[in-house]
């Protein structure tokens, strides 16, 4: 990527109220920088539906929580939202979190943190949405839904909705330290 200047937009507070602005800013930079791979985190699918409308024609990957994340045998993604996203051309990825899974099981059972969760807590110093955006890029790369030799825009949030968008060069989880964040498009101040 050639030298560029990307001003970061800072939201006063985190949360779902920033979703539309986050998606619009991400779309603007995707067009300007000719980035075709877009990732967005979505639990119920509401944010994914909005993204699937705005990013038609892009390689949009909506990353959901794994089944059982909240409670056994429960999938948060609403079927109506899944159908809308797929109709709009989005790919949907439902899998184990890159910074969770077995390490989280060890914490819950033995009361000690594993490396993945330590990395997650460290990334949260930049905000929950930053951690989410990085994590879903690893998950999408591991699933083969985005190439690791192209830039992507990864969108995460704090709780519900979207409030953070990053430009990054993704990698697989096993090569985590090769991931490169090249710019923040937007994020909450706090």
N, C-alpha and C. Protein backbone atom coordinates (compact mmCIF):
# COMPACT_ATOMS: atom_id res chain seq x y z
N UNK A 1 0.86 -1.17 0.00
CA UNK A 1 0.00 0.00 0.00
C UNK A 1 0.90 1.23 0.00
N UNK A 2 0.65 2.14 -0.89
CA UNK A 2 1.44 3.36 -1.01
C UNK A 2 1.24 4.24 0.23
N UNK A 3 2.10 5.23 0.37
CA UNK A 3 1.97 6.15 1.49
C UNK A 3 0.59 6.80 1.46
N UNK A 4 -0.06 6.83 2.60
CA UNK A 4 -1.38 7.43 2.66
C UNK A 4 -1.63 7.99 4.05
N UNK A 5 -2.58 8.87 4.09
CA UNK A 5 -2.96 9.48 5.36
C UNK A 5 -4.42 9.14 5.61
N UNK A 6 -4.67 8.44 6.72
CA UNK A 6 -6.02 8.05 7.08
C UNK A 6 -6.35 8.71 8.42
N UNK A 7 -7.20 9.73 8.40
CA UNK A 7 -7.58 10.33 9.68
C UNK A 7 -8.53 9.39 10.42
N UNK A 8 -8.28 9.18 11.70
CA UNK A 8 -9.14 8.31 12.50
C UNK A 8 -10.28 9.14 13.08
N UNK A 9 -11.50 8.65 12.92
CA UNK A 9 -12.68 9.28 13.49
C UNK A 9 -12.89 8.67 14.87
N UNK A 10 -13.00 9.52 15.89
CA UNK A 10 -13.18 9.03 17.26
C UNK A 10 -14.60 9.29 17.73
N UNK A 11 -15.28 8.23 18.17
CA UNK A 11 -16.61 8.36 18.75
C UNK A 11 -16.48 8.74 20.23
N UNK A 12 -17.40 9.58 20.71
CA UNK A 12 -17.37 9.97 22.13
C UNK A 12 -17.54 8.78 23.06
N UNK A 13 -18.43 7.86 22.68
CA UNK A 13 -18.71 6.69 23.50
C UNK A 13 -18.81 5.46 22.59
N UNK A 14 -18.51 4.27 23.14
CA UNK A 14 -18.64 3.06 22.34
C UNK A 14 -20.09 2.62 22.21
N UNK A 15 -20.35 1.71 21.28
CA UNK A 15 -21.66 1.09 21.22
C UNK A 15 -22.36 1.12 19.89
N UNK A 16 -23.56 0.53 19.89
CA UNK A 16 -24.34 0.31 18.67
C UNK A 16 -24.77 1.60 17.98
N UNK A 17 -24.86 2.68 18.71
CA UNK A 17 -25.30 3.94 18.08
C UNK A 17 -24.31 4.41 17.01
N UNK A 18 -23.12 3.83 16.99
CA UNK A 18 -22.09 4.21 16.02
C UNK A 18 -22.06 3.32 14.78
N UNK A 19 -22.97 2.36 14.70
CA UNK A 19 -22.92 1.36 13.64
C UNK A 19 -22.98 1.97 12.24
N UNK A 20 -23.96 2.79 11.97
CA UNK A 20 -24.12 3.34 10.61
C UNK A 20 -22.90 4.16 10.20
N UNK A 21 -22.41 5.01 11.09
CA UNK A 21 -21.24 5.83 10.78
C UNK A 21 -20.01 4.96 10.54
N UNK A 22 -19.84 3.92 11.36
CA UNK A 22 -18.71 3.01 11.20
C UNK A 22 -18.75 2.34 9.84
N UNK A 23 -19.92 1.82 9.48
CA UNK A 23 -20.06 1.14 8.19
C UNK A 23 -19.84 2.11 7.02
N UNK A 24 -20.36 3.33 7.14
CA UNK A 24 -20.18 4.32 6.08
C UNK A 24 -18.72 4.71 5.91
N UNK A 25 -18.02 4.91 7.01
CA UNK A 25 -16.59 5.25 6.93
C UNK A 25 -15.80 4.09 6.33
N UNK A 26 -16.13 2.87 6.73
CA UNK A 26 -15.44 1.70 6.18
C UNK A 26 -15.68 1.60 4.68
N UNK A 27 -16.88 1.84 4.24
CA UNK A 27 -17.20 1.80 2.81
C UNK A 27 -16.40 2.86 2.05
N UNK A 28 -16.33 4.05 2.62
CA UNK A 28 -15.59 5.15 1.98
C UNK A 28 -14.13 4.75 1.74
N UNK A 29 -13.48 4.20 2.77
CA UNK A 29 -12.07 3.83 2.62
C UNK A 29 -11.88 2.58 1.78
N UNK A 30 -12.85 1.68 1.81
CA UNK A 30 -12.77 0.51 0.93
C UNK A 30 -12.74 0.95 -0.53
N UNK A 31 -13.58 1.91 -0.87
CA UNK A 31 -13.61 2.42 -2.24
C UNK A 31 -12.35 3.19 -2.57
N UNK A 32 -11.95 4.11 -1.68
CA UNK A 32 -10.76 4.93 -1.95
C UNK A 32 -9.50 4.10 -2.10
N UNK A 33 -9.37 3.07 -1.27
CA UNK A 33 -8.15 2.26 -1.25
C UNK A 33 -8.28 0.99 -2.08
N UNK A 34 -9.43 0.82 -2.73
CA UNK A 34 -9.68 -0.36 -3.56
C UNK A 34 -9.50 -1.67 -2.77
N UNK A 35 -10.02 -1.68 -1.57
CA UNK A 35 -9.99 -2.87 -0.72
C UNK A 35 -11.30 -3.61 -0.93
N UNK A 36 -11.21 -4.88 -1.32
CA UNK A 36 -12.42 -5.63 -1.64
C UNK A 36 -12.84 -6.62 -0.56
N UNK A 37 -11.96 -6.89 0.41
CA UNK A 37 -12.27 -7.84 1.48
C UNK A 37 -12.70 -7.09 2.74
N UNK A 38 -13.94 -7.36 3.17
CA UNK A 38 -14.53 -6.67 4.31
C UNK A 38 -14.99 -7.71 5.32
N UNK A 39 -14.66 -7.49 6.58
CA UNK A 39 -15.09 -8.38 7.65
C UNK A 39 -15.94 -7.58 8.62
N UNK A 40 -16.98 -8.21 9.14
CA UNK A 40 -17.80 -7.55 10.16
C UNK A 40 -18.26 -8.59 11.17
N UNK A 41 -18.14 -8.25 12.44
CA UNK A 41 -18.64 -9.11 13.51
C UNK A 41 -20.12 -8.83 13.70
N UNK A 42 -20.90 -9.90 13.92
CA UNK A 42 -22.33 -9.74 14.13
C UNK A 42 -22.85 -10.93 14.91
N UNK A 43 -23.50 -10.66 16.03
CA UNK A 43 -24.03 -11.75 16.86
C UNK A 43 -25.42 -12.17 16.41
N UNK A 44 -26.37 -11.25 16.47
CA UNK A 44 -27.75 -11.57 16.05
C UNK A 44 -27.90 -11.49 14.54
N UNK A 45 -26.99 -10.79 13.89
CA UNK A 45 -27.05 -10.59 12.44
C UNK A 45 -27.54 -9.22 12.05
N UNK A 46 -27.95 -8.42 13.00
CA UNK A 46 -28.47 -7.08 12.67
C UNK A 46 -27.38 -6.23 12.01
N UNK A 47 -26.20 -6.19 12.58
CA UNK A 47 -25.10 -5.42 11.97
C UNK A 47 -24.69 -6.04 10.64
N UNK A 48 -24.70 -7.37 10.57
CA UNK A 48 -24.38 -8.06 9.33
C UNK A 48 -25.34 -7.73 8.21
N UNK A 49 -26.63 -7.61 8.53
CA UNK A 49 -27.62 -7.25 7.52
C UNK A 49 -27.32 -5.85 6.98
N UNK A 50 -27.05 -4.91 7.88
CA UNK A 50 -26.73 -3.54 7.44
C UNK A 50 -25.48 -3.53 6.56
N UNK A 51 -24.46 -4.28 6.97
CA UNK A 51 -23.23 -4.36 6.18
C UNK A 51 -23.49 -5.01 4.82
N UNK A 52 -24.34 -6.03 4.80
CA UNK A 52 -24.60 -6.73 3.53
C UNK A 52 -25.32 -5.85 2.52
N UNK A 53 -26.05 -4.88 3.00
CA UNK A 53 -26.70 -3.92 2.10
C UNK A 53 -25.67 -2.94 1.54
N UNK A 54 -24.78 -2.49 2.41
CA UNK A 54 -23.81 -1.45 2.04
C UNK A 54 -22.62 -2.00 1.24
N UNK A 55 -22.26 -3.25 1.46
CA UNK A 55 -21.07 -3.82 0.83
C UNK A 55 -21.39 -4.86 -0.25
N UNK A 56 -22.50 -4.68 -0.95
CA UNK A 56 -22.81 -5.57 -2.07
C UNK A 56 -21.69 -5.43 -3.10
N UNK A 57 -21.25 -6.55 -3.64
CA UNK A 57 -20.17 -6.53 -4.63
C UNK A 57 -18.79 -6.67 -4.03
N UNK A 58 -18.67 -6.58 -2.72
CA UNK A 58 -17.40 -6.80 -2.02
C UNK A 58 -17.36 -8.25 -1.54
N UNK A 59 -16.19 -8.71 -1.15
CA UNK A 59 -16.08 -10.01 -0.49
C UNK A 59 -16.36 -9.75 1.00
N UNK A 60 -17.64 -9.75 1.36
CA UNK A 60 -18.06 -9.48 2.73
C UNK A 60 -18.20 -10.79 3.49
N UNK A 61 -17.49 -10.87 4.63
CA UNK A 61 -17.58 -12.02 5.52
C UNK A 61 -18.13 -11.53 6.84
N UNK A 62 -19.28 -12.09 7.24
CA UNK A 62 -19.90 -11.77 8.52
C UNK A 62 -19.52 -12.88 9.49
N UNK A 63 -18.87 -12.51 10.58
CA UNK A 63 -18.38 -13.49 11.55
C UNK A 63 -19.29 -13.46 12.78
N UNK A 64 -19.87 -14.61 13.10
CA UNK A 64 -20.81 -14.71 14.20
C UNK A 64 -20.16 -15.39 15.42
N UNK A 65 -20.88 -15.36 16.51
CA UNK A 65 -20.46 -16.15 17.67
C UNK A 65 -20.65 -17.63 17.35
N UNK A 66 -19.86 -18.45 17.98
CA UNK A 66 -20.03 -19.89 17.82
C UNK A 66 -21.31 -20.34 18.51
N UNK A 67 -21.88 -21.42 18.01
CA UNK A 67 -23.03 -22.01 18.68
C UNK A 67 -22.57 -22.45 20.08
N UNK A 68 -23.38 -22.15 21.07
CA UNK A 68 -23.03 -22.48 22.45
C UNK A 68 -22.27 -21.38 23.16
N UNK A 69 -22.00 -20.26 22.50
CA UNK A 69 -21.24 -19.17 23.13
C UNK A 69 -21.97 -18.64 24.36
N UNK A 70 -23.28 -18.40 24.24
CA UNK A 70 -24.06 -17.90 25.38
C UNK A 70 -24.58 -19.01 26.27
N UNK A 71 -25.07 -20.07 25.65
CA UNK A 71 -25.58 -21.22 26.40
C UNK A 71 -25.57 -22.43 25.47
N UNK A 72 -25.58 -23.63 26.02
CA UNK A 72 -25.48 -24.83 25.19
C UNK A 72 -26.54 -24.90 24.08
N UNK A 73 -26.09 -25.32 22.91
CA UNK A 73 -26.96 -25.56 21.75
C UNK A 73 -27.71 -24.33 21.26
N UNK A 74 -27.25 -23.14 21.59
CA UNK A 74 -27.95 -21.92 21.20
C UNK A 74 -27.10 -21.12 20.22
N UNK A 75 -27.70 -20.72 19.10
CA UNK A 75 -27.05 -19.87 18.10
C UNK A 75 -27.75 -18.52 18.11
N UNK A 76 -26.97 -17.46 18.37
CA UNK A 76 -27.52 -16.11 18.45
C UNK A 76 -27.97 -15.55 17.11
N UNK A 77 -27.33 -15.98 16.02
CA UNK A 77 -27.66 -15.46 14.70
C UNK A 77 -29.09 -15.85 14.34
N UNK A 78 -29.93 -14.86 14.10
CA UNK A 78 -31.32 -15.11 13.73
C UNK A 78 -31.40 -15.58 12.29
N UNK A 79 -32.20 -16.60 12.05
CA UNK A 79 -32.30 -17.21 10.73
C UNK A 79 -32.74 -16.21 9.66
N UNK A 80 -33.68 -15.32 9.99
CA UNK A 80 -34.11 -14.30 9.02
C UNK A 80 -32.94 -13.43 8.59
N UNK A 81 -32.09 -13.04 9.55
CA UNK A 81 -30.92 -12.23 9.24
C UNK A 81 -29.93 -12.99 8.38
N UNK A 82 -29.74 -14.28 8.68
CA UNK A 82 -28.84 -15.11 7.87
C UNK A 82 -29.32 -15.12 6.41
N UNK A 83 -30.58 -15.31 6.20
CA UNK A 83 -31.12 -15.38 4.85
C UNK A 83 -30.94 -14.07 4.09
N UNK A 84 -31.16 -12.95 4.77
CA UNK A 84 -30.98 -11.64 4.13
C UNK A 84 -29.52 -11.44 3.74
N UNK A 85 -28.61 -11.74 4.67
CA UNK A 85 -27.18 -11.56 4.38
C UNK A 85 -26.74 -12.42 3.20
N UNK A 86 -27.16 -13.67 3.19
CA UNK A 86 -26.77 -14.56 2.10
C UNK A 86 -27.38 -14.10 0.78
N UNK A 87 -28.61 -13.62 0.82
CA UNK A 87 -29.25 -13.11 -0.39
C UNK A 87 -28.47 -11.90 -0.94
N UNK A 88 -27.91 -11.10 -0.04
CA UNK A 88 -27.13 -9.93 -0.43
C UNK A 88 -25.69 -10.28 -0.81
N UNK A 89 -25.34 -11.56 -0.77
CA UNK A 89 -24.01 -12.00 -1.22
C UNK A 89 -22.96 -12.14 -0.14
N UNK A 90 -23.33 -11.97 1.12
CA UNK A 90 -22.36 -12.10 2.21
C UNK A 90 -22.07 -13.58 2.50
N UNK A 91 -20.84 -13.83 2.91
CA UNK A 91 -20.47 -15.15 3.43
C UNK A 91 -20.61 -15.07 4.94
N UNK A 92 -21.03 -16.16 5.56
CA UNK A 92 -21.21 -16.17 7.01
C UNK A 92 -20.28 -17.21 7.61
N UNK A 93 -19.51 -16.79 8.61
CA UNK A 93 -18.57 -17.68 9.29
C UNK A 93 -18.99 -17.82 10.75
N UNK A 94 -19.26 -19.04 11.14
CA UNK A 94 -19.57 -19.36 12.53
C UNK A 94 -18.56 -20.39 12.98
N UNK A 95 -17.70 -20.01 13.93
CA UNK A 95 -16.67 -20.93 14.41
C UNK A 95 -16.16 -20.48 15.77
N UNK A 96 -15.26 -21.24 16.32
CA UNK A 96 -14.65 -20.92 17.61
C UNK A 96 -13.88 -19.60 17.51
N UNK A 97 -13.92 -18.82 18.57
CA UNK A 97 -13.16 -17.58 18.62
C UNK A 97 -11.66 -17.87 18.62
N UNK A 98 -10.92 -17.07 17.89
CA UNK A 98 -9.46 -17.25 17.84
C UNK A 98 -8.81 -17.02 19.21
N UNK A 99 -9.38 -16.13 20.01
CA UNK A 99 -8.82 -15.85 21.34
C UNK A 99 -9.64 -16.49 22.45
N UNK A 100 -10.33 -17.58 22.14
CA UNK A 100 -11.17 -18.26 23.14
C UNK A 100 -10.99 -19.75 23.03
N UNK A 101 -12.09 -20.44 22.95
CA UNK A 101 -12.04 -21.89 22.75
C UNK A 101 -11.48 -22.64 23.94
N UNK A 102 -10.51 -23.50 23.68
CA UNK A 102 -9.96 -24.37 24.72
C UNK A 102 -9.32 -23.56 25.84
N UNK A 103 -8.66 -22.47 25.49
CA UNK A 103 -8.07 -21.62 26.54
C UNK A 103 -9.12 -21.08 27.50
N UNK A 104 -10.27 -20.73 26.97
CA UNK A 104 -11.38 -20.25 27.82
C UNK A 104 -11.90 -21.39 28.70
N UNK A 105 -11.93 -22.60 28.16
CA UNK A 105 -12.36 -23.76 28.94
C UNK A 105 -11.42 -23.99 30.12
N UNK A 106 -10.11 -23.82 29.90
CA UNK A 106 -9.13 -23.96 30.98
C UNK A 106 -9.39 -22.92 32.07
N UNK A 107 -9.65 -21.67 31.65
CA UNK A 107 -9.93 -20.62 32.65
C UNK A 107 -11.18 -20.96 33.45
N UNK A 108 -12.24 -21.36 32.78
CA UNK A 108 -13.49 -21.66 33.48
C UNK A 108 -13.35 -22.84 34.42
N UNK A 109 -12.58 -23.83 34.04
CA UNK A 109 -12.43 -25.05 34.86
C UNK A 109 -11.38 -24.90 35.94
N UNK A 110 -10.25 -24.28 35.60
CA UNK A 110 -9.11 -24.25 36.51
C UNK A 110 -8.81 -22.87 37.10
N UNK A 111 -9.51 -21.86 36.62
CA UNK A 111 -9.34 -20.53 37.18
C UNK A 111 -8.05 -19.84 36.80
N UNK A 112 -7.46 -20.22 35.69
CA UNK A 112 -6.22 -19.58 35.24
C UNK A 112 -6.37 -19.16 33.78
N UNK A 113 -5.74 -18.06 33.42
CA UNK A 113 -5.83 -17.56 32.05
C UNK A 113 -4.77 -18.20 31.18
N UNK A 114 -5.16 -18.46 29.95
CA UNK A 114 -4.26 -19.01 28.96
C UNK A 114 -3.82 -17.89 28.02
N UNK A 115 -2.84 -18.17 27.19
CA UNK A 115 -2.23 -17.18 26.32
C UNK A 115 -3.24 -16.42 25.45
N UNK A 116 -4.21 -17.13 24.85
CA UNK A 116 -5.16 -16.48 23.96
C UNK A 116 -5.93 -15.38 24.66
N UNK A 117 -6.37 -15.65 25.89
CA UNK A 117 -7.14 -14.65 26.62
C UNK A 117 -6.26 -13.50 27.12
N UNK A 118 -5.01 -13.76 27.36
CA UNK A 118 -4.09 -12.68 27.73
C UNK A 118 -3.90 -11.74 26.53
N UNK A 119 -3.77 -12.32 25.34
CA UNK A 119 -3.67 -11.50 24.13
C UNK A 119 -4.95 -10.68 23.98
N UNK A 120 -6.10 -11.30 24.17
CA UNK A 120 -7.38 -10.59 24.05
C UNK A 120 -7.46 -9.42 25.02
N UNK A 121 -7.08 -9.64 26.27
CA UNK A 121 -7.12 -8.56 27.25
C UNK A 121 -6.14 -7.44 26.88
N UNK A 122 -5.00 -7.79 26.33
CA UNK A 122 -4.04 -6.78 25.90
C UNK A 122 -4.61 -5.94 24.76
N UNK A 123 -5.23 -6.60 23.78
CA UNK A 123 -5.81 -5.86 22.66
C UNK A 123 -6.96 -4.96 23.11
N UNK A 124 -7.67 -5.35 24.16
CA UNK A 124 -8.77 -4.52 24.67
C UNK A 124 -8.29 -3.18 25.21
N UNK A 125 -6.99 -3.02 25.45
CA UNK A 125 -6.49 -1.71 25.88
C UNK A 125 -6.70 -0.67 24.78
N UNK A 126 -6.87 -1.13 23.53
CA UNK A 126 -7.20 -0.24 22.41
C UNK A 126 -8.71 -0.14 22.21
N UNK A 127 -9.47 -0.93 22.95
CA UNK A 127 -10.92 -0.96 22.86
C UNK A 127 -11.40 -2.34 22.48
N UNK A 128 -12.61 -2.68 22.94
CA UNK A 128 -13.19 -4.00 22.64
C UNK A 128 -13.32 -4.22 21.14
N UNK A 129 -13.74 -3.19 20.41
CA UNK A 129 -13.90 -3.33 18.96
C UNK A 129 -12.60 -3.65 18.25
N UNK A 130 -11.48 -3.13 18.75
CA UNK A 130 -10.18 -3.44 18.16
C UNK A 130 -9.86 -4.91 18.33
N UNK A 131 -10.08 -5.42 19.54
CA UNK A 131 -9.86 -6.85 19.79
C UNK A 131 -10.72 -7.69 18.86
N UNK A 132 -11.99 -7.34 18.75
CA UNK A 132 -12.91 -8.09 17.90
C UNK A 132 -12.47 -8.05 16.44
N UNK A 133 -12.12 -6.88 15.94
CA UNK A 133 -11.72 -6.73 14.54
C UNK A 133 -10.49 -7.58 14.22
N UNK A 134 -9.54 -7.62 15.12
CA UNK A 134 -8.34 -8.43 14.90
C UNK A 134 -8.70 -9.92 14.98
N UNK A 135 -9.48 -10.28 15.96
CA UNK A 135 -9.84 -11.69 16.15
C UNK A 135 -10.61 -12.25 14.96
N UNK A 136 -11.58 -11.49 14.44
CA UNK A 136 -12.35 -12.03 13.31
C UNK A 136 -11.51 -12.13 12.04
N UNK A 137 -10.46 -11.30 11.94
CA UNK A 137 -9.59 -11.43 10.77
C UNK A 137 -8.82 -12.75 10.81
N UNK A 138 -8.40 -13.16 11.99
CA UNK A 138 -7.72 -14.46 12.13
C UNK A 138 -8.68 -15.60 11.79
N UNK A 139 -9.91 -15.49 12.28
CA UNK A 139 -10.91 -16.53 12.06
C UNK A 139 -11.24 -16.66 10.57
N UNK A 140 -11.43 -15.53 9.89
CA UNK A 140 -11.77 -15.55 8.47
C UNK A 140 -10.60 -16.07 7.62
N UNK A 141 -9.39 -15.69 8.00
CA UNK A 141 -8.21 -16.20 7.27
C UNK A 141 -8.08 -17.71 7.47
N UNK A 142 -8.28 -18.18 8.70
CA UNK A 142 -8.18 -19.61 8.98
C UNK A 142 -9.23 -20.40 8.21
N UNK A 143 -10.39 -19.80 7.99
CA UNK A 143 -11.47 -20.47 7.25
C UNK A 143 -11.27 -20.37 5.74
N UNK A 144 -10.26 -19.62 5.29
CA UNK A 144 -10.00 -19.48 3.86
C UNK A 144 -10.96 -18.54 3.15
N UNK A 145 -11.63 -17.66 3.92
CA UNK A 145 -12.62 -16.76 3.32
C UNK A 145 -12.04 -15.42 2.90
N UNK A 146 -10.83 -15.12 3.34
CA UNK A 146 -10.10 -13.93 2.89
C UNK A 146 -8.65 -14.33 2.65
N UNK A 147 -8.01 -13.71 1.67
CA UNK A 147 -6.60 -14.01 1.44
C UNK A 147 -5.72 -13.24 2.43
N UNK A 148 -4.59 -13.84 2.78
CA UNK A 148 -3.68 -13.15 3.72
C UNK A 148 -2.68 -12.26 3.00
N UNK A 149 -2.71 -12.23 1.69
CA UNK A 149 -1.78 -11.38 0.94
C UNK A 149 -2.45 -10.11 0.43
N UNK A 150 -3.66 -9.80 0.91
CA UNK A 150 -4.37 -8.58 0.52
C UNK A 150 -4.86 -7.86 1.78
N UNK A 151 -4.94 -6.55 1.68
CA UNK A 151 -5.48 -5.77 2.79
C UNK A 151 -6.98 -6.00 2.92
N UNK A 152 -7.47 -5.85 4.12
CA UNK A 152 -8.91 -5.93 4.35
C UNK A 152 -9.31 -4.84 5.33
N UNK A 153 -10.60 -4.61 5.41
CA UNK A 153 -11.15 -3.75 6.45
C UNK A 153 -11.92 -4.65 7.37
N UNK A 154 -11.60 -4.56 8.65
CA UNK A 154 -12.23 -5.41 9.65
C UNK A 154 -12.98 -4.53 10.65
N UNK A 155 -14.25 -4.88 10.88
CA UNK A 155 -15.16 -4.05 11.66
C UNK A 155 -15.64 -4.82 12.88
N UNK A 156 -15.45 -4.22 14.05
CA UNK A 156 -15.89 -4.83 15.30
C UNK A 156 -16.66 -3.83 16.13
N UNK A 157 -17.07 -4.27 17.29
CA UNK A 157 -17.85 -3.38 18.14
C UNK A 157 -17.68 -3.69 19.61
N UNK A 158 -18.31 -2.87 20.41
CA UNK A 158 -18.31 -3.01 21.86
C UNK A 158 -19.72 -3.41 22.27
N UNK A 159 -19.90 -4.65 22.65
CA UNK A 159 -21.24 -5.13 22.97
C UNK A 159 -21.99 -5.41 21.69
N UNK A 160 -22.94 -4.57 21.36
CA UNK A 160 -23.74 -4.74 20.14
C UNK A 160 -23.34 -3.67 19.12
N UNK A 161 -23.61 -3.96 17.85
CA UNK A 161 -23.32 -2.98 16.81
C UNK A 161 -21.84 -2.89 16.48
N UNK A 162 -21.49 -1.84 15.74
CA UNK A 162 -20.11 -1.64 15.30
C UNK A 162 -19.66 -0.24 15.69
N UNK A 163 -18.41 -0.14 16.18
CA UNK A 163 -17.85 1.17 16.53
C UNK A 163 -16.37 1.27 16.21
N UNK A 164 -15.81 0.25 15.57
CA UNK A 164 -14.39 0.23 15.27
C UNK A 164 -14.17 -0.36 13.88
N UNK A 165 -13.33 0.28 13.08
CA UNK A 165 -12.96 -0.26 11.78
C UNK A 165 -11.46 -0.07 11.59
N UNK A 166 -10.80 -1.15 11.20
CA UNK A 166 -9.35 -1.17 10.99
C UNK A 166 -9.03 -1.57 9.57
N UNK A 167 -7.94 -1.06 9.06
CA UNK A 167 -7.36 -1.57 7.82
C UNK A 167 -6.19 -2.45 8.26
N UNK A 168 -6.19 -3.67 7.80
CA UNK A 168 -5.12 -4.56 8.22
C UNK A 168 -4.75 -5.56 7.16
N UNK A 169 -3.58 -6.12 7.30
CA UNK A 169 -3.09 -7.22 6.48
C UNK A 169 -3.26 -8.46 7.34
N UNK A 170 -4.25 -9.30 7.01
CA UNK A 170 -4.56 -10.44 7.88
C UNK A 170 -3.52 -11.55 7.79
N UNK A 171 -3.63 -12.45 8.73
CA UNK A 171 -2.80 -13.66 8.74
C UNK A 171 -3.60 -14.76 9.41
N UNK A 172 -3.05 -15.93 9.44
CA UNK A 172 -3.68 -17.04 10.13
C UNK A 172 -3.34 -16.99 11.62
N UNK A 173 -4.15 -17.66 12.43
CA UNK A 173 -3.92 -17.65 13.88
C UNK A 173 -2.54 -18.18 14.22
N UNK A 174 -2.07 -19.18 13.51
CA UNK A 174 -0.77 -19.79 13.83
C UNK A 174 0.41 -18.87 13.49
N UNK A 175 0.15 -17.80 12.72
CA UNK A 175 1.20 -16.83 12.41
C UNK A 175 0.77 -15.44 12.90
N UNK A 176 0.08 -15.41 14.03
CA UNK A 176 -0.53 -14.20 14.59
C UNK A 176 0.39 -12.98 14.53
N UNK A 177 1.65 -13.14 14.82
CA UNK A 177 2.55 -11.98 14.90
C UNK A 177 2.93 -11.42 13.53
N UNK A 178 2.45 -12.03 12.46
CA UNK A 178 2.62 -11.46 11.12
C UNK A 178 1.49 -10.50 10.76
N UNK A 179 0.43 -10.44 11.56
CA UNK A 179 -0.68 -9.53 11.31
C UNK A 179 -0.18 -8.09 11.39
N UNK A 180 -0.61 -7.27 10.46
CA UNK A 180 -0.18 -5.87 10.44
C UNK A 180 -1.39 -4.95 10.37
N UNK A 181 -1.55 -4.08 11.36
CA UNK A 181 -2.60 -3.07 11.34
C UNK A 181 -1.99 -1.85 10.66
N UNK A 182 -2.61 -1.42 9.57
CA UNK A 182 -2.05 -0.29 8.83
C UNK A 182 -2.82 1.00 9.07
N UNK A 183 -3.99 0.90 9.68
CA UNK A 183 -4.73 2.13 9.96
C UNK A 183 -6.00 1.89 10.74
N UNK A 184 -6.33 2.87 11.58
CA UNK A 184 -7.62 2.90 12.26
C UNK A 184 -8.51 3.85 11.47
N UNK A 185 -9.67 3.39 11.05
CA UNK A 185 -10.64 4.24 10.38
C UNK A 185 -11.48 4.97 11.42
N UNK A 186 -11.92 4.21 12.44
CA UNK A 186 -12.69 4.81 13.53
C UNK A 186 -12.63 3.91 14.74
N UNK A 187 -12.85 4.51 15.90
CA UNK A 187 -12.90 3.78 17.16
C UNK A 187 -13.42 4.71 18.24
N UNK A 188 -13.91 4.16 19.35
CA UNK A 188 -14.33 5.01 20.46
C UNK A 188 -13.12 5.62 21.17
N UNK A 189 -13.29 6.81 21.72
CA UNK A 189 -12.22 7.44 22.50
C UNK A 189 -11.97 6.67 23.79
N UNK A 190 -13.06 6.14 24.36
CA UNK A 190 -12.94 5.48 25.67
C UNK A 190 -13.33 4.03 25.59
